[in-house]
Amino acid sequence: MTEYVMLQRRRLPGVYVVPSAGSPLKWFGVLFIWQGHYQGGVFRFTLYMPHNYPDGDCPVGNIARI
């Protein structure tokens, strides 16, 4: 949850995330691309944090263009 609090404080433009209501280890998000090759793209993603994060494995996830 430390990373989520940090993201809320920094308010990164175009990045919106929220932990799942069922588990703080699963996050949902949307990414808006403003520049570059994917300009105008909107992507949703899901991140899965392992139980031993951050002392073990890295988060994994998937992303899909909307």
C-alpha atoms as a PDB file:
ATOM      1  CA  MET A   1       0.000   0.000   0.000  1.00  0.00           C
ATOM      2  CA  THR A   2       3.043   2.285   0.357  1.00  0.00           C
ATOM      3  CA  GLU A   3       3.382   2.471  -3.423  1.00  0.00           C
ATOM      4  CA  TYR A   4      -0.312   3.310  -3.805  1.00  0.00           C
ATOM      5  CA  VAL A   5      -0.046   6.176  -1.313  1.00  0.00           C
ATOM      6  CA  MET A   6       3.032   7.463  -3.173  1.00  0.00           C
ATOM      7  CA  LEU A   7       1.162   7.404  -6.499  1.00  0.00           C
ATOM      8  CA  GLN A   8      -1.744   9.295  -4.958  1.00  0.00           C
ATOM      9  CA  ARG A   9       0.576  11.997  -3.624  1.00  0.00           C
ATOM     10  CA  ARG A  10       2.613  12.394  -6.821  1.00  0.00           C
ATOM     11  CA  ARG A  11      -0.440  12.502  -9.094  1.00  0.00           C
ATOM     12  CA  LEU A  12       1.299  11.333 -12.246  1.00  0.00           C
ATOM     13  CA  PRO A  13      -0.523  12.786 -15.256  1.00  0.00           C
ATOM     14  CA  GLY A  14      -2.314  10.167 -17.305  1.00  0.00           C
ATOM     15  CA  VAL A  15      -1.878   7.335 -14.771  1.00  0.00           C
ATOM     16  CA  TYR A  16      -4.807   6.197 -12.642  1.00  0.00           C
ATOM     17  CA  VAL A  17      -4.642   3.172 -10.324  1.00  0.00           C
ATOM     18  CA  VAL A  18      -6.753   1.684  -7.563  1.00  0.00           C
ATOM     19  CA  PRO A  19      -6.262  -1.479  -5.501  1.00  0.00           C
ATOM     20  CA  SER A  20      -8.910  -4.166  -5.835  1.00  0.00           C
ATOM     21  CA  ALA A  21     -11.625  -4.161  -3.179  1.00  0.00           C
ATOM     22  CA  GLY A  22     -10.929  -7.860  -2.649  1.00  0.00           C
ATOM     23  CA  SER A  23      -7.147  -7.722  -2.278  1.00  0.00           C
ATOM     24  CA  PRO A  24      -4.502  -5.004  -1.889  1.00  0.00           C
ATOM     25  CA  LEU A  25      -2.187  -7.254  -3.934  1.00  0.00           C
ATOM     26  CA  LYS A  26      -4.242  -6.759  -7.121  1.00  0.00           C
ATOM     27  CA  TRP A  27      -4.400  -3.308  -8.746  1.00  0.00           C
ATOM     28  CA  PHE A  28      -6.426  -1.981 -11.658  1.00  0.00           C
ATOM     29  CA  GLY A  29      -5.334   0.995 -13.717  1.00  0.00           C
ATOM     30  CA  VAL A  30      -5.688   3.108 -16.824  1.00  0.00           C
ATOM     31  CA  LEU A  31      -2.868   4.810 -18.726  1.00  0.00           C
ATOM     32  CA  PHE A  32      -3.464   7.698 -21.157  1.00  0.00           C
ATOM     33  CA  ILE A  33      -0.659   8.320 -23.687  1.00  0.00           C
ATOM     34  CA  TRP A  34      -0.203  11.985 -24.641  1.00  0.00           C
ATOM     35  CA  GLN A  35       2.937  11.864 -26.831  1.00  0.00           C
ATOM     36  CA  GLY A  36       4.899   9.585 -29.111  1.00  0.00           C
ATOM     37  CA  HIS A  37       3.993   6.651 -31.291  1.00  0.00           C
ATOM     38  CA  TYR A  38       1.003   5.641 -29.139  1.00  0.00           C
ATOM     39  CA  GLN A  39      -0.305   9.206 -28.728  1.00  0.00           C
ATOM     40  CA  GLY A  40      -4.031   9.160 -28.049  1.00  0.00           C
ATOM     41  CA  GLY A  41      -3.885   5.581 -26.820  1.00  0.00           C
ATOM     42  CA  VAL A  42      -5.746   4.491 -23.717  1.00  0.00           C
ATOM     43  CA  PHE A  43      -4.590   1.308 -22.014  1.00  0.00           C
ATOM     44  CA  ARG A  44      -6.026  -0.514 -19.054  1.00  0.00           C
ATOM     45  CA  PHE A  45      -3.887  -2.777 -16.945  1.00  0.00           C
ATOM     46  CA  THR A  46      -3.982  -5.146 -14.014  1.00  0.00           C
ATOM     47  CA  LEU A  47      -1.017  -5.636 -11.688  1.00  0.00           C
ATOM     48  CA  TYR A  48      -0.584  -8.617  -9.387  1.00  0.00           C
ATOM     49  CA  MET A  49       1.768  -8.163  -6.447  1.00  0.00           C
ATOM     50  CA  PRO A  50       3.281 -11.382  -5.051  1.00  0.00           C
ATOM     51  CA  HIS A  51       2.830 -12.072  -1.346  1.00  0.00           C
ATOM     52  CA  ASN A  52       6.573 -11.637  -0.792  1.00  0.00           C
ATOM     53  CA  TYR A  53       6.765  -8.211  -2.519  1.00  0.00           C
ATOM     54  CA  PRO A  54       9.023  -6.191  -2.280  1.00  0.00           C
ATOM     55  CA  ASP A  55      11.465  -8.624  -0.668  1.00  0.00           C
ATOM     56  CA  GLY A  56      11.025 -11.342  -3.293  1.00  0.00           C
ATOM     57  CA  ASP A  57       9.380 -11.571  -6.665  1.00  0.00           C
ATOM     58  CA  CYS A  58       8.425  -8.647  -8.913  1.00  0.00           C
ATOM     59  CA  PRO A  59       4.844  -7.695  -9.745  1.00  0.00           C
ATOM     60  CA  VAL A  60       3.357  -9.146 -12.931  1.00  0.00           C
ATOM     61  CA  GLY A  61       0.489  -7.893 -15.005  1.00  0.00           C
ATOM     62  CA  ASN A  62      -1.280  -7.555 -18.271  1.00  0.00           C
ATOM     63  CA  ILE A  63      -2.257  -4.590 -20.409  1.00  0.00           C
ATOM     64  CA  ALA A  64      -4.913  -4.088 -23.073  1.00  0.00           C
ATOM     65  CA  ARG A  65      -5.665  -1.209 -25.393  1.00  0.00           C
ATOM     66  CA  ILE A  66      -9.134   0.253 -24.992  1.00  0.00           C
END
